[in-house]
Amino acid sequence: MTRQRQGFLRIRGSKDHLPLNQILWLEGDGNYTRIHLQHATPTLTAKTLTRWHEQLPAFIRVNKGALVNPENIRMGTYVSSKEMLVELSDGTRVPVSRRRIAQIKELLTSVLKSS
C-alpha cells in the first residue's frame, strides 16, 4: 500500500516519506515504475504508471511511459513541428508524444503566466 501525506509520498517497503517536490519524473517499465528523484538514485516500485497517475493527479503524463512533476519543469523545447522535449530542473529531457504537444504547450504557457 502506498500512502500519501500532504506533500509527501510513502512507498511500500520504505520507511521514509518522499517529498513530492523532490520527485522529478516517473518512468514506466511494464508493471514497474522507476521514480527519479533530485539528488538520489531512482527508486523502482511494483506499480504501473497508470496507478501512479491516479494517485498523483497533479503530475503530467507527457508520453506513454513518463509522468512528470510540473514543479520541476524548467522549459519545453521544440525539436521540430512534431517533436517536443520537456526539460526538467536537473537537465533531464523527456520527450512529449505528438498527441500531447498542444496540451503540454498550453499547460506550460499557463504556468509561466502565473509565475
PDB file of N, CA and C in Angstrom:
ATOM      1  N   MET A   1       0.846  -1.185   0.000  1.00  0.00           N
ATOM      2  CA  MET A   1       0.000   0.000   0.000  1.00  0.00           C
ATOM      3  C   MET A   1       0.886   1.242   0.000  1.00  0.00           C
ATOM      4  N   THR A   2       0.512   2.206  -0.793  1.00  0.00           N
ATOM      5  CA  THR A   2       1.225   3.476  -0.826  1.00  0.00           C
ATOM      6  C   THR A   2       0.346   4.510  -0.155  1.00  0.00           C
ATOM      7  N   ARG A   3       0.906   5.202   0.800  1.00  0.00           N
ATOM      8  CA  ARG A   3       0.138   6.240   1.484  1.00  0.00           C
ATOM      9  C   ARG A   3       0.714   7.596   1.153  1.00  0.00           C
ATOM     10  N   GLN A   4      -0.189   8.569   1.097  1.00  0.00           N
ATOM     11  CA  GLN A   4       0.254   9.922   0.785  1.00  0.00           C
ATOM     12  C   GLN A   4      -0.155  10.855   1.906  1.00  0.00           C
ATOM     13  N   ARG A   5       0.806  11.541   2.450  1.00  0.00           N
ATOM     14  CA  ARG A   5       0.581  12.590   3.428  1.00  0.00           C
ATOM     15  C   ARG A   5       0.728  13.891   2.670  1.00  0.00           C
ATOM     16  N   GLN A   6       0.120  14.947   3.111  1.00  0.00           N
ATOM     17  CA  GLN A   6       0.170  16.218   2.407  1.00  0.00           C
ATOM     18  C   GLN A   6       1.596  16.573   2.011  1.00  0.00           C
ATOM     19  N   GLY A   7       1.883  16.575   0.706  1.00  0.00           N
ATOM     20  CA  GLY A   7       3.200  16.949   0.208  1.00  0.00           C
ATOM     21  C   GLY A   7       4.249  15.856   0.265  1.00  0.00           C
ATOM     22  N   PHE A   8       3.860  14.664   0.723  1.00  0.00           N
ATOM     23  CA  PHE A   8       4.799  13.554   0.850  1.00  0.00           C
ATOM     24  C   PHE A   8       4.207  12.282   0.264  1.00  0.00           C
ATOM     25  N   LEU A   9       5.094  11.363  -0.097  1.00  0.00           N
ATOM     26  CA  LEU A   9       4.676  10.082  -0.649  1.00  0.00           C
ATOM     27  C   LEU A   9       5.446   8.997   0.073  1.00  0.00           C
ATOM     28  N   ARG A  10       4.752   7.990   0.549  1.00  0.00           N
ATOM     29  CA  ARG A  10       5.420   6.860   1.193  1.00  0.00           C
ATOM     30  C   ARG A  10       5.231   5.649   0.309  1.00  0.00           C
ATOM     31  N   ILE A  11       6.328   5.000   0.012  1.00  0.00           N
ATOM     32  CA  ILE A  11       6.302   3.834  -0.860  1.00  0.00           C
ATOM     33  C   ILE A  11       6.369   2.575  -0.003  1.00  0.00           C
ATOM     34  N   ARG A  12       5.570   1.612  -0.380  1.00  0.00           N
ATOM     35  CA  ARG A  12       5.526   0.345   0.340  1.00  0.00           C
ATOM     36  C   ARG A  12       6.936  -0.241   0.452  1.00  0.00           C
ATOM     37  N   GLY A  13       7.282  -0.659   1.642  1.00  0.00           N
ATOM     38  CA  GLY A  13       8.595  -1.242   1.873  1.00  0.00           C
ATOM     39  C   GLY A  13       9.653  -0.226   2.257  1.00  0.00           C
ATOM     40  N   SER A  14       9.287   1.049   2.244  1.00  0.00           N
ATOM     41  CA  SER A  14      10.229   2.107   2.604  1.00  0.00           C
ATOM     42  C   SER A  14       9.740   2.787   3.878  1.00  0.00           C
ATOM     43  N   LYS A  15      10.670   3.113   4.746  1.00  0.00           N
ATOM     44  CA  LYS A  15      10.305   3.789   5.993  1.00  0.00           C
ATOM     45  C   LYS A  15      10.210   5.299   5.810  1.00  0.00           C
ATOM     46  N   ASP A  16      10.849   5.798   4.757  1.00  0.00           N
ATOM     47  CA  ASP A  16      10.903   7.238   4.544  1.00  0.00           C
ATOM     48  C   ASP A  16       9.726   7.736   3.720  1.00  0.00           C
ATOM     49  N   HIS A  17       9.356   8.985   3.959  1.00  0.00           N
ATOM     50  CA  HIS A  17       8.369   9.668   3.145  1.00  0.00           C
ATOM     51  C   HIS A  17       9.134  10.517   2.133  1.00  0.00           C
ATOM     52  N   LEU A  18       8.794  10.390   0.860  1.00  0.00           N
ATOM     53  CA  LEU A  18       9.439  11.189  -0.188  1.00  0.00           C
ATOM     54  C   LEU A  18       8.696  12.502  -0.347  1.00  0.00           C
ATOM     55  N   PRO A  19       9.379  13.631  -0.258  1.00  0.00           N
ATOM     56  CA  PRO A  19       8.708  14.904  -0.541  1.00  0.00           C
ATOM     57  C   PRO A  19       8.334  14.938  -2.023  1.00  0.00           C
ATOM     58  N   LEU A  20       7.098  15.292  -2.335  1.00  0.00           N
ATOM     59  CA  LEU A  20       6.644  15.313  -3.729  1.00  0.00           C
ATOM     60  C   LEU A  20       7.486  16.246  -4.588  1.00  0.00           C
ATOM     61  N   ASN A  21       7.962  17.355  -4.019  1.00  0.00           N
ATOM     62  CA  ASN A  21       8.745  18.289  -4.823  1.00  0.00           C
ATOM     63  C   ASN A  21      10.135  17.754  -5.160  1.00  0.00           C
ATOM     64  N   GLN A  22      10.557  16.651  -4.517  1.00  0.00           N
ATOM     65  CA  GLN A  22      11.830  16.014  -4.835  1.00  0.00           C
ATOM     66  C   GLN A  22      11.705  14.992  -5.970  1.00  0.00           C
ATOM     67  N   ILE A  23      10.468  14.657  -6.336  1.00  0.00           N
ATOM     68  CA  ILE A  23      10.245  13.713  -7.429  1.00  0.00           C
ATOM     69  C   ILE A  23      10.294  14.490  -8.738  1.00  0.00           C
ATOM     70  N   LEU A  24      11.232  14.125  -9.609  1.00  0.00           N
ATOM     71  CA  LEU A  24      11.359  14.780 -10.910  1.00  0.00           C
ATOM     72  C   LEU A  24      10.362  14.207 -11.901  1.00  0.00           C
ATOM     73  N   TRP A  25      10.419  12.873 -12.071  1.00  0.00           N
ATOM     74  CA  TRP A  25       9.517  12.222 -13.011  1.00  0.00           C
ATOM     75  C   TRP A  25       9.450  10.742 -12.709  1.00  0.00           C
ATOM     76  N   LEU A  26       8.431  10.110 -13.266  1.00  0.00           N
ATOM     77  CA  LEU A  26       8.244   8.683 -13.096  1.00  0.00           C
ATOM     78  C   LEU A  26       8.319   8.037 -14.474  1.00  0.00           C
ATOM     79  N   GLU A  27       9.042   6.940 -14.550  1.00  0.00           N
ATOM     80  CA  GLU A  27       9.268   6.251 -15.821  1.00  0.00           C
ATOM     81  C   GLU A  27       8.667   4.850 -15.745  1.00  0.00           C
ATOM     82  N   GLY A  28       7.711   4.579 -16.622  1.00  0.00           N
ATOM     83  CA  GLY A  28       7.071   3.280 -16.645  1.00  0.00           C
ATOM     84  C   GLY A  28       7.951   2.231 -17.299  1.00  0.00           C
ATOM     85  N   ASP A  29       7.905   1.014 -16.748  1.00  0.00           N
ATOM     86  CA  ASP A  29       8.657  -0.109 -17.289  1.00  0.00           C
ATOM     87  C   ASP A  29       7.819  -1.361 -17.069  1.00  0.00           C
ATOM     88  N   GLY A  30       6.846  -1.567 -17.964  1.00  0.00           N
ATOM     89  CA  GLY A  30       5.931  -2.701 -17.809  1.00  0.00           C
ATOM     90  C   GLY A  30       5.059  -2.511 -16.583  1.00  0.00           C
ATOM     91  N   ASN A  31       5.113  -3.491 -15.686  1.00  0.00           N
ATOM     92  CA  ASN A  31       4.327  -3.416 -14.450  1.00  0.00           C
ATOM     93  C   ASN A  31       5.074  -2.718 -13.323  1.00  0.00           C
ATOM     94  N   TYR A  32       6.194  -2.108 -13.643  1.00  0.00           N
ATOM     95  CA  TYR A  32       7.010  -1.409 -12.661  1.00  0.00           C
ATOM     96  C   TYR A  32       7.132   0.064 -13.047  1.00  0.00           C
ATOM     97  N   THR A  33       7.490   0.879 -12.074  1.00  0.00           N
ATOM     98  CA  THR A  33       7.733   2.298 -12.323  1.00  0.00           C
ATOM     99  C   THR A  33       9.002   2.698 -11.593  1.00  0.00           C
ATOM    100  N   ARG A  34       9.838   3.417 -12.293  1.00  0.00           N
ATOM    101  CA  ARG A  34      11.076   3.945 -11.713  1.00  0.00           C
ATOM    102  C   ARG A  34      10.815   5.409 -11.362  1.00  0.00           C
ATOM    103  N   ILE A  35      10.990   5.760 -10.096  1.00  0.00           N
ATOM    104  CA  ILE A  35      10.782   7.127  -9.627  1.00  0.00           C
ATOM    105  C   ILE A  35      12.135   7.823  -9.598  1.00  0.00           C
ATOM    106  N   HIS A  36      12.281   8.852 -10.421  1.00  0.00           N
ATOM    107  CA  HIS A  36      13.526   9.618 -10.498  1.00  0.00           C
ATOM    108  C   HIS A  36      13.431  10.798  -9.529  1.00  0.00           C
ATOM    109  N   LEU A  37      14.413  10.881  -8.642  1.00  0.00           N
ATOM    110  CA  LEU A  37      14.418  11.897  -7.590  1.00  0.00           C
ATOM    111  C   LEU A  37      15.567  12.878  -7.792  1.00  0.00           C
ATOM    112  N   GLN A  38      15.423  14.052  -7.200  1.00  0.00           N
ATOM    113  CA  GLN A  38      16.524  15.012  -7.200  1.00  0.00           C
ATOM    114  C   GLN A  38      17.600  14.501  -6.251  1.00  0.00           C
ATOM    115  N   HIS A  39      18.829  14.520  -6.701  1.00  0.00           N
ATOM    116  CA  HIS A  39      19.992  14.202  -5.876  1.00  0.00           C
ATOM    117  C   HIS A  39      19.932  12.822  -5.229  1.00  0.00           C
ATOM    118  N   ALA A  40      19.310  11.846  -5.903  1.00  0.00           N
ATOM    119  CA  ALA A  40      19.258  10.489  -5.360  1.00  0.00           C
ATOM    120  C   ALA A  40      19.114   9.499  -6.509  1.00  0.00           C
ATOM    121  N   THR A  41      19.422   8.262  -6.223  1.00  0.00           N
ATOM    122  CA  THR A  41      19.262   7.239  -7.250  1.00  0.00           C
ATOM    123  C   THR A  41      17.779   6.923  -7.422  1.00  0.00           C
ATOM    124  N   PRO A  42      17.371   6.524  -8.635  1.00  0.00           N
ATOM    125  CA  PRO A  42      15.962   6.206  -8.869  1.00  0.00           C
ATOM    126  C   PRO A  42      15.498   5.029  -8.003  1.00  0.00           C
ATOM    127  N   THR A  43      14.230   5.050  -7.654  1.00  0.00           N
ATOM    128  CA  THR A  43      13.607   4.007  -6.857  1.00  0.00           C
ATOM    129  C   THR A  43      12.653   3.222  -7.741  1.00  0.00           C
ATOM    130  N   LEU A  44      12.742   1.893  -7.709  1.00  0.00           N
ATOM    131  CA  LEU A  44      11.860   1.047  -8.510  1.00  0.00           C
ATOM    132  C   LEU A  44      10.695   0.591  -7.649  1.00  0.00           C
ATOM    133  N   THR A  45       9.473   0.737  -8.193  1.00  0.00           N
ATOM    134  CA  THR A  45       8.280   0.310  -7.461  1.00  0.00           C
ATOM    135  C   THR A  45       7.493  -0.681  -8.300  1.00  0.00           C
ATOM    136  N   ALA A  46       6.773  -1.557  -7.640  1.00  0.00           N
ATOM    137  CA  ALA A  46       5.961  -2.565  -8.315  1.00  0.00           C
ATOM    138  C   ALA A  46       4.541  -2.050  -8.506  1.00  0.00           C
ATOM    139  N   LYS A  47       4.436  -0.954  -9.230  1.00  0.00           N
ATOM    140  CA  LYS A  47       3.136  -0.344  -9.522  1.00  0.00           C
ATOM    141  C   LYS A  47       3.231   0.259 -10.910  1.00  0.00           C
ATOM    142  N   THR A  48       2.145   0.159 -11.676  1.00  0.00           N
ATOM    143  CA  THR A  48       2.161   0.700 -13.032  1.00  0.00           C
ATOM    144  C   THR A  48       2.099   2.222 -13.026  1.00  0.00           C
ATOM    145  N   LEU A  49       2.510   2.800 -14.133  1.00  0.00           N
ATOM    146  CA  LEU A  49       2.471   4.252 -14.284  1.00  0.00           C
ATOM    147  C   LEU A  49       1.034   4.768 -14.211  1.00  0.00           C
ATOM    148  N   THR A  50       0.096   4.016 -14.728  1.00  0.00           N
ATOM    149  CA  THR A  50      -1.324   4.402 -14.670  1.00  0.00           C
ATOM    150  C   THR A  50      -1.787   4.514 -13.222  1.00  0.00           C
ATOM    151  N   ARG A  51      -1.397   3.573 -12.395  1.00  0.00           N
ATOM    152  CA  ARG A  51      -1.775   3.623 -10.976  1.00  0.00           C
ATOM    153  C   ARG A  51      -1.150   4.831 -10.286  1.00  0.00           C
ATOM    154  N   TRP A  52       0.103   5.149 -10.632  1.00  0.00           N
ATOM    155  CA  TRP A  52       0.740   6.338 -10.056  1.00  0.00           C
ATOM    156  C   TRP A  52       0.027   7.605 -10.504  1.00  0.00           C
ATOM    157  N   HIS A  53      -0.396   7.633 -11.770  1.00  0.00           N
ATOM    158  CA  HIS A  53      -1.093   8.821 -12.272  1.00  0.00           C
ATOM    159  C   HIS A  53      -2.412   9.030 -11.525  1.00  0.00           C
ATOM    160  N   GLU A  54      -3.089   7.957 -11.187  1.00  0.00           N
ATOM    161  CA  GLU A  54      -4.323   8.059 -10.402  1.00  0.00           C
ATOM    162  C   GLU A  54      -4.035   8.630  -9.015  1.00  0.00           C
ATOM    163  N   GLN A  55      -2.894   8.268  -8.456  1.00  0.00           N
ATOM    164  CA  GLN A  55      -2.541   8.704  -7.112  1.00  0.00           C
ATOM    165  C   GLN A  55      -1.930  10.110  -7.094  1.00  0.00           C
ATOM    166  N   LEU A  56      -1.313  10.497  -8.201  1.00  0.00           N
ATOM    167  CA  LEU A  56      -0.658  11.811  -8.297  1.00  0.00           C
ATOM    168  C   LEU A  56      -1.263  12.600  -9.454  1.00  0.00           C
ATOM    169  N   PRO A  57      -2.509  13.053  -9.318  1.00  0.00           N
ATOM    170  CA  PRO A  57      -3.191  13.708 -10.443  1.00  0.00           C
ATOM    171  C   PRO A  57      -2.556  15.029 -10.880  1.00  0.00           C
ATOM    172  N   ALA A  58      -1.762  15.660 -10.039  1.00  0.00           N
ATOM    173  CA  ALA A  58      -1.114  16.920 -10.426  1.00  0.00           C
ATOM    174  C   ALA A  58       0.053  16.677 -11.381  1.00  0.00           C
ATOM    175  N   PHE A  59       0.563  15.454 -11.416  1.00  0.00           N
ATOM    176  CA  PHE A  59       1.664  15.128 -12.314  1.00  0.00           C
ATOM    177  C   PHE A  59       1.131  15.010 -13.737  1.00  0.00           C
ATOM    178  N   ILE A  60       1.978  15.302 -14.718  1.00  0.00           N
ATOM    179  CA  ILE A  60       1.555  15.395 -16.117  1.00  0.00           C
ATOM    180  C   ILE A  60       2.057  14.197 -16.901  1.00  0.00           C
ATOM    181  N   ARG A  61       1.144  13.547 -17.603  1.00  0.00           N
ATOM    182  CA  ARG A  61       1.509  12.424 -18.473  1.00  0.00           C
ATOM    183  C   ARG A  61       1.971  13.022 -19.797  1.00  0.00           C
ATOM    184  N   VAL A  62       3.279  12.980 -20.075  1.00  0.00           N
ATOM    185  CA  VAL A  62       3.809  13.579 -21.295  1.00  0.00           C
ATOM    186  C   VAL A  62       3.937  12.576 -22.434  1.00  0.00           C
ATOM    187  N   ASN A  63       4.012  11.297 -22.100  1.00  0.00           N
ATOM    188  CA  ASN A  63       4.009  10.242 -23.109  1.00  0.00           C
ATOM    189  C   ASN A  63       3.588   8.942 -22.438  1.00  0.00           C
ATOM    190  N   LYS A  64       3.523   7.885 -23.204  1.00  0.00           N
ATOM    191  CA  LYS A  64       3.042   6.605 -22.685  1.00  0.00           C
ATOM    192  C   LYS A  64       3.842   6.105 -21.488  1.00  0.00           C
ATOM    193  N   GLY A  65       5.126   6.425 -21.454  1.00  0.00           N
ATOM    194  CA  GLY A  65       5.979   5.888 -20.418  1.00  0.00           C
ATOM    195  C   GLY A  65       6.527   6.887 -19.428  1.00  0.00           C
ATOM    196  N   ALA A  66       5.962   8.105 -19.378  1.00  0.00           N
ATOM    197  CA  ALA A  66       6.525   9.107 -18.467  1.00  0.00           C
ATOM    198  C   ALA A  66       5.460   9.998 -17.853  1.00  0.00           C
ATOM    199  N   LEU A  67       5.649  10.257 -16.575  1.00  0.00           N
ATOM    200  CA  LEU A  67       4.788  11.136 -15.795  1.00  0.00           C
ATOM    201  C   LEU A  67       5.722  12.150 -15.140  1.00  0.00           C
ATOM    202  N   VAL A  68       5.481  13.442 -15.373  1.00  0.00           N
ATOM    203  CA  VAL A  68       6.405  14.488 -14.957  1.00  0.00           C
ATOM    204  C   VAL A  68       5.795  15.356 -13.859  1.00  0.00           C
ATOM    205  N   ASN A  69       6.630  15.723 -12.894  1.00  0.00           N
ATOM    206  CA  ASN A  69       6.207  16.630 -11.841  1.00  0.00           C
ATOM    207  C   ASN A  69       6.253  18.054 -12.396  1.00  0.00           C
ATOM    208  N   PRO A  70       5.122  18.756 -12.496  1.00  0.00           N
ATOM    209  CA  PRO A  70       5.107  20.094 -13.088  1.00  0.00           C
ATOM    210  C   PRO A  70       5.963  21.109 -12.331  1.00  0.00           C
ATOM    211  N   GLU A  71       6.198  20.887 -11.040  1.00  0.00           N
ATOM    212  CA  GLU A  71       7.032  21.799 -10.248  1.00  0.00           C
ATOM    213  C   GLU A  71       8.490  21.776 -10.698  1.00  0.00           C
ATOM    214  N   ASN A  72       8.896  20.709 -11.368  1.00  0.00           N
ATOM    215  CA  ASN A  72      10.291  20.563 -11.767  1.00  0.00           C
ATOM    216  C   ASN A  72      10.518  20.742 -13.262  1.00  0.00           C
ATOM    217  N   ILE A  73       9.530  21.257 -13.978  1.00  0.00           N
ATOM    218  CA  ILE A  73       9.716  21.535 -15.405  1.00  0.00           C
ATOM    219  C   ILE A  73      10.415  22.876 -15.550  1.00  0.00           C
ATOM    220  N   ARG A  74      11.539  22.856 -16.237  1.00  0.00           N
ATOM    221  CA  ARG A  74      12.285  24.094 -16.486  1.00  0.00           C
ATOM    222  C   ARG A  74      11.763  24.764 -17.740  1.00  0.00           C
ATOM    223  N   MET A  75      11.579  23.990 -18.829  1.00  0.00           N
ATOM    224  CA  MET A  75      11.082  24.559 -20.079  1.00  0.00           C
ATOM    225  C   MET A  75      10.719  23.455 -21.061  1.00  0.00           C
ATOM    226  N   GLY A  76       9.980  23.841 -22.090  1.00  0.00           N
ATOM    227  CA  GLY A  76       9.660  22.950 -23.188  1.00  0.00           C
ATOM    228  C   GLY A  76      10.413  23.412 -24.419  1.00  0.00           C
ATOM    229  N   THR A  77      10.929  22.466 -25.191  1.00  0.00           N
ATOM    230  CA  THR A  77      11.716  22.791 -26.373  1.00  0.00           C
ATOM    231  C   THR A  77      11.174  22.032 -27.576  1.00  0.00           C
ATOM    232  N   TYR A  78      10.969  22.758 -28.674  1.00  0.00           N
ATOM    233  CA  TYR A  78      10.552  22.111 -29.910  1.00  0.00           C
ATOM    234  C   TYR A  78      11.768  21.633 -30.677  1.00  0.00           C
ATOM    235  N   VAL A  79      11.792  20.372 -31.023  1.00  0.00           N
ATOM    236  CA  VAL A  79      12.852  19.799 -31.849  1.00  0.00           C
ATOM    237  C   VAL A  79      12.468  19.984 -33.308  1.00  0.00           C
ATOM    238  N   SER A  80      11.186  19.794 -33.596  1.00  0.00           N
ATOM    239  CA  SER A  80      10.609  20.025 -34.919  1.00  0.00           C
ATOM    240  C   SER A  80       9.127  20.312 -34.702  1.00  0.00           C
ATOM    241  N   SER A  81       8.384  20.458 -35.789  1.00  0.00           N
ATOM    242  CA  SER A  81       6.961  20.761 -35.633  1.00  0.00           C
ATOM    243  C   SER A  81       6.188  19.613 -34.977  1.00  0.00           C
ATOM    244  N   LYS A  82       6.764  18.407 -35.008  1.00  0.00           N
ATOM    245  CA  LYS A  82       6.079  17.250 -34.430  1.00  0.00           C
ATOM    246  C   LYS A  82       6.834  16.621 -33.269  1.00  0.00           C
ATOM    247  N   GLU A  83       7.879  17.291 -32.804  1.00  0.00           N
ATOM    248  CA  GLU A  83       8.659  16.766 -31.690  1.00  0.00           C
ATOM    249  C   GLU A  83       8.899  17.850 -30.649  1.00  0.00           C
ATOM    250  N   MET A  84       8.667  17.473 -29.395  1.00  0.00           N
ATOM    251  CA  MET A  84       8.877  18.404 -28.289  1.00  0.00           C
ATOM    252  C   MET A  84       9.532  17.651 -27.134  1.00  0.00           C
ATOM    253  N   LEU A  85      10.381  18.347 -26.403  1.00  0.00           N
ATOM    254  CA  LEU A  85      11.012  17.804 -25.207  1.00  0.00           C
ATOM    255  C   LEU A  85      10.674  18.701 -24.026  1.00  0.00           C
ATOM    256  N   VAL A  86      10.482  18.103 -22.870  1.00  0.00           N
ATOM    257  CA  VAL A  86      10.300  18.854 -21.636  1.00  0.00           C
ATOM    258  C   VAL A  86      11.598  18.702 -20.856  1.00  0.00           C
ATOM    259  N   GLU A  87      12.204  19.834 -20.499  1.00  0.00           N
ATOM    260  CA  GLU A  87      13.449  19.800 -19.735  1.00  0.00           C
ATOM    261  C   GLU A  87      13.133  20.011 -18.265  1.00  0.00           C
ATOM    262  N   LEU A  88      13.695  19.137 -17.442  1.00  0.00           N
ATOM    263  CA  LEU A  88      13.455  19.196 -16.008  1.00  0.00           C
ATOM    264  C   LEU A  88      14.564  19.960 -15.298  1.00  0.00           C
ATOM    265  N   SER A  89      14.359  20.241 -14.033  1.00  0.00           N
ATOM    266  CA  SER A  89      15.302  21.061 -13.273  1.00  0.00           C
ATOM    267  C   SER A  89      16.703  20.465 -13.173  1.00  0.00           C
ATOM    268  N   ASP A  90      16.838  19.145 -13.351  1.00  0.00           N
ATOM    269  CA  ASP A  90      18.166  18.525 -13.293  1.00  0.00           C
ATOM    270  C   ASP A  90      18.805  18.393 -14.677  1.00  0.00           C
ATOM    271  N   GLY A  91      18.117  18.904 -15.710  1.00  0.00           N
ATOM    272  CA  GLY A  91      18.644  18.836 -17.069  1.00  0.00           C
ATOM    273  C   GLY A  91      18.140  17.652 -17.877  1.00  0.00           C
ATOM    274  N   THR A  92      17.412  16.746 -17.261  1.00  0.00           N
ATOM    275  CA  THR A  92      16.842  15.601 -17.974  1.00  0.00           C
ATOM    276  C   THR A  92      15.839  16.097 -19.000  1.00  0.00           C
ATOM    277  N   ARG A  93      15.882  15.520 -20.191  1.00  0.00           N
ATOM    278  CA  ARG A  93      14.917  15.866 -21.233  1.00  0.00           C
ATOM    279  C   ARG A  93      14.021  14.668 -21.503  1.00  0.00           C
ATOM    280  N   VAL A  94      12.725  14.882 -21.353  1.00  0.00           N
ATOM    281  CA  VAL A  94      11.740  13.826 -21.540  1.00  0.00           C
ATOM    282  C   VAL A  94      10.930  14.154 -22.789  1.00  0.00           C
ATOM    283  N   PRO A  95      10.846  13.225 -23.753  1.00  0.00           N
ATOM    284  CA  PRO A  95      10.079  13.501 -24.970  1.00  0.00           C
ATOM    285  C   PRO A  95       8.574  13.560 -24.703  1.00  0.00           C
ATOM    286  N   VAL A  96       7.902  14.443 -25.426  1.00  0.00           N
ATOM    287  CA  VAL A  96       6.452  14.584 -25.348  1.00  0.00           C
ATOM    288  C   VAL A  96       5.871  13.885 -26.574  1.00  0.00           C
ATOM    289  N   SER A  97       4.836  13.066 -26.382  1.00  0.00           N
ATOM    290  CA  SER A  97       4.222  12.401 -27.525  1.00  0.00           C
ATOM    291  C   SER A  97       3.522  13.433 -28.410  1.00  0.00           C
ATOM    292  N   ARG A  98       3.444  13.145 -29.692  1.00  0.00           N
ATOM    293  CA  ARG A  98       2.849  14.094 -30.650  1.00  0.00           C
ATOM    294  C   ARG A  98       1.446  14.507 -30.250  1.00  0.00           C
ATOM    295  N   ARG A  99       0.639  13.582 -29.813  1.00  0.00           N
ATOM    296  CA  ARG A  99      -0.750  13.917 -29.491  1.00  0.00           C
ATOM    297  C   ARG A  99      -0.887  14.743 -28.215  1.00  0.00           C
ATOM    298  N   ARG A 100       0.152  14.843 -27.420  1.00  0.00           N
ATOM    299  CA  ARG A 100       0.091  15.621 -26.175  1.00  0.00           C
ATOM    300  C   ARG A 100       0.807  16.967 -26.267  1.00  0.00           C
ATOM    301  N   ILE A 101       1.414  17.271 -27.411  1.00  0.00           N
ATOM    302  CA  ILE A 101       2.179  18.515 -27.551  1.00  0.00           C
ATOM    303  C   ILE A 101       1.317  19.748 -27.276  1.00  0.00           C
ATOM    304  N   ALA A 102       0.136  19.827 -27.878  1.00  0.00           N
ATOM    305  CA  ALA A 102      -0.728  21.001 -27.687  1.00  0.00           C
ATOM    306  C   ALA A 102      -1.109  21.171 -26.211  1.00  0.00           C
ATOM    307  N   GLN A 103      -1.438  20.081 -25.557  1.00  0.00           N
ATOM    308  CA  GLN A 103      -1.815  20.122 -24.143  1.00  0.00           C
ATOM    309  C   GLN A 103      -0.646  20.602 -23.283  1.00  0.00           C
ATOM    310  N   ILE A 104       0.543  20.085 -23.538  1.00  0.00           N
ATOM    311  CA  ILE A 104       1.720  20.471 -22.751  1.00  0.00           C
ATOM    312  C   ILE A 104       2.084  21.930 -23.019  1.00  0.00           C
ATOM    313  N   LYS A 105       1.983  22.348 -24.279  1.00  0.00           N
ATOM    314  CA  LYS A 105       2.270  23.741 -24.630  1.00  0.00           C
ATOM    315  C   LYS A 105       1.331  24.683 -23.875  1.00  0.00           C
ATOM    316  N   GLU A 106       0.042  24.359 -23.860  1.00  0.00           N
ATOM    317  CA  GLU A 106      -0.950  25.178 -23.158  1.00  0.00           C
ATOM    318  C   GLU A 106      -0.662  25.208 -21.658  1.00  0.00           C
ATOM    319  N   LEU A 107      -0.321  24.067 -21.101  1.00  0.00           N
ATOM    320  CA  LEU A 107      -0.015  23.982 -19.684  1.00  0.00           C
ATOM    321  C   LEU A 107       1.214  24.817 -19.334  1.00  0.00           C
ATOM    322  N   LEU A 108       2.272  24.692 -20.128  1.00  0.00           N
ATOM    323  CA  LEU A 108       3.484  25.463 -19.869  1.00  0.00           C
ATOM    324  C   LEU A 108       3.238  26.958 -19.986  1.00  0.00           C
ATOM    325  N   THR A 109       2.416  27.355 -20.945  1.00  0.00           N
ATOM    326  CA  THR A 109       2.076  28.769 -21.111  1.00  0.00           C
ATOM    327  C   THR A 109       1.335  29.299 -19.901  1.00  0.00           C
ATOM    328  N   SER A 110       0.368  28.536 -19.387  1.00  0.00           N
ATOM    329  CA  SER A 110      -0.393  28.979 -18.214  1.00  0.00           C
ATOM    330  C   SER A 110       0.477  29.001 -16.967  1.00  0.00           C
ATOM    331  N   VAL A 111       1.391  28.057 -16.830  1.00  0.00           N
ATOM    332  CA  VAL A 111       2.285  28.036 -15.673  1.00  0.00           C
ATOM    333  C   VAL A 111       3.225  29.217 -15.702  1.00  0.00           C
ATOM    334  N   LEU A 112       3.758  29.549 -16.873  1.00  0.00           N
ATOM    335  CA  LEU A 112       4.675  30.675 -16.994  1.00  0.00           C
ATOM    336  C   LEU A 112       3.971  32.010 -16.719  1.00  0.00           C
ATOM    337  N   LYS A 113       2.713  32.113 -17.132  1.00  0.00           N
ATOM    338  CA  LYS A 113       1.951  33.346 -16.878  1.00  0.00           C
ATOM    339  C   LYS A 113       1.679  33.542 -15.399  1.00  0.00           C
ATOM    340  N   SER A 114       1.434  32.432 -14.681  1.00  0.00           N
ATOM    341  CA  SER A 114       1.100  32.550 -13.255  1.00  0.00           C
ATOM    342  C   SER A 114       2.328  32.747 -12.373  1.00  0.00           C
ATOM    343  N   SER A 115       3.540  32.485 -12.897  1.00  0.00           N
ATOM    344  CA  SER A 115       4.732  32.673 -12.055  1.00  0.00           C
ATOM    345  C   SER A 115       5.348  34.023 -12.195  1.00  0.00           C
TER     346      SER A 115
END
